[in-house]
Amino acid sequence: MIARTVVIGTPLGLHARPAARFVQAVADTGLDVTITRDGRTVNAAGILGVMSLDVNGGDTVTLTVDDNGRDDIADVAGRLDALAALLATNLDA
């Protein structure tokens, strides 16, 4: 498993617009990413699931990708790093 923990940089959290930007970025990676907050895990490619986590600015979330059997671990880690960096920014700006 490859995981990244990140503090949400959008002051109002992952409401509709920031969640949509994040979900699109996840889809663009082509990875099966999950996002976890307070023990609840959802598919990061689904906007309703992401919004159901009720993520607020300053909350900490964990992004995870299953790396079993992959030979492109460095590439996967780089794409996950990019998603984490995106969440750390203000997606409302």
Protein backbone atom coordinates (compact mmCIF):
# COMPACT_ATOMS: atom_id res chain seq x y z
CA MET A 1 0.00 0.00 0.00
CA ILE A 2 1.13 3.51 -0.78
CA ALA A 3 -0.39 6.19 1.43
CA ARG A 4 -0.09 9.92 1.86
CA THR A 5 -1.51 11.95 4.73
CA VAL A 6 -2.38 15.56 4.01
CA VAL A 7 -3.97 18.54 5.73
CA ILE A 8 -6.76 20.08 3.64
CA GLY A 9 -5.74 23.55 2.43
CA THR A 10 -9.14 24.76 1.23
CA PRO A 11 -10.55 26.86 4.12
CA LEU A 12 -14.13 25.68 3.57
CA GLY A 13 -13.09 22.07 2.99
CA LEU A 14 -14.15 19.71 0.23
CA HIS A 15 -17.52 21.19 -0.65
CA ALA A 16 -18.87 20.81 -4.21
CA ARG A 17 -16.34 22.75 -6.31
CA PRO A 18 -13.12 21.67 -4.56
CA ALA A 19 -14.41 18.09 -4.33
CA ALA A 20 -15.15 18.10 -8.06
CA ARG A 21 -11.65 19.39 -8.86
CA PHE A 22 -10.10 16.71 -6.66
CA VAL A 23 -12.27 13.89 -8.03
CA GLN A 24 -11.38 14.91 -11.61
CA ALA A 25 -7.69 14.91 -10.70
CA VAL A 26 -8.07 11.41 -9.25
CA ALA A 27 -9.77 10.22 -12.45
CA ASP A 28 -6.97 11.76 -14.51
CA THR A 29 -4.37 9.67 -12.66
CA GLY A 30 -6.01 6.40 -13.68
CA LEU A 31 -5.40 5.04 -10.17
CA ASP A 32 -7.85 3.42 -7.76
CA VAL A 33 -7.43 5.87 -4.91
CA THR A 34 -9.26 5.84 -1.60
CA ILE A 35 -9.59 8.76 0.80
CA THR A 36 -9.99 8.26 4.56
CA ARG A 37 -11.11 10.68 7.26
CA ASP A 38 -11.77 9.69 10.86
CA GLY A 39 -11.84 5.99 10.03
CA ARG A 40 -14.28 6.31 7.09
CA THR A 41 -12.90 5.34 3.68
CA VAL A 42 -14.46 6.05 0.29
CA ASN A 43 -13.48 5.81 -3.35
CA ALA A 44 -11.75 9.11 -4.16
CA ALA A 45 -13.11 9.02 -7.72
CA GLY A 46 -16.71 9.45 -6.53
CA ILE A 47 -17.84 12.98 -5.72
CA LEU A 48 -20.72 11.89 -3.51
CA GLY A 49 -18.44 9.69 -1.44
CA VAL A 50 -15.83 12.40 -1.08
CA MET A 51 -18.44 14.97 -0.07
CA SER A 52 -20.01 12.51 2.39
CA LEU A 53 -16.78 12.55 4.41
CA ASP A 54 -17.61 16.14 5.41
CA VAL A 55 -13.98 17.24 5.14
CA ASN A 56 -13.32 20.73 6.52
CA GLY A 57 -10.34 23.03 6.04
CA GLY A 58 -7.49 21.94 8.28
CA ASP A 59 -8.77 18.36 8.56
CA THR A 60 -6.32 15.54 7.93
CA VAL A 61 -7.10 12.86 5.34
CA THR A 62 -5.19 9.87 4.04
CA LEU A 63 -4.98 8.93 0.37
CA THR A 64 -4.20 5.29 -0.39
CA VAL A 65 -3.41 3.22 -3.49
CA ASP A 66 -2.99 -0.56 -3.50
CA ASP A 67 0.43 -1.32 -4.99
CA ASN A 68 0.17 -5.14 -5.05
CA GLY A 69 1.80 -6.55 -8.15
CA ARG A 70 2.66 -3.17 -9.66
CA ASP A 71 6.01 -2.60 -11.29
CA ASP A 72 5.56 1.18 -11.60
CA ILE A 73 5.66 2.02 -7.89
CA ALA A 74 7.70 5.21 -8.35
CA ASP A 75 5.20 6.51 -10.92
CA VAL A 76 2.23 5.63 -8.70
CA ALA A 77 3.89 7.31 -5.72
CA GLY A 78 4.51 10.43 -7.80
CA ARG A 79 0.88 10.61 -8.91
CA LEU A 80 -0.28 10.13 -5.31
CA ASP A 81 2.12 12.89 -4.20
CA ALA A 82 0.56 15.20 -6.79
CA LEU A 83 -2.95 14.46 -5.46
CA ALA A 84 -1.80 15.13 -1.90
CA ALA A 85 -0.20 18.41 -2.99
CA LEU A 86 -3.45 19.40 -4.69
CA LEU A 87 -5.44 18.81 -1.51
CA ALA A 88 -2.93 20.88 0.47
CA THR A 89 -3.69 23.93 -1.70
CA ASN A 90 -6.72 26.21 -1.65
CA LEU A 91 -8.91 24.65 -4.35
CA ASP A 92 -11.30 27.61 -4.11
CA ALA A 93 -8.62 30.06 -5.27
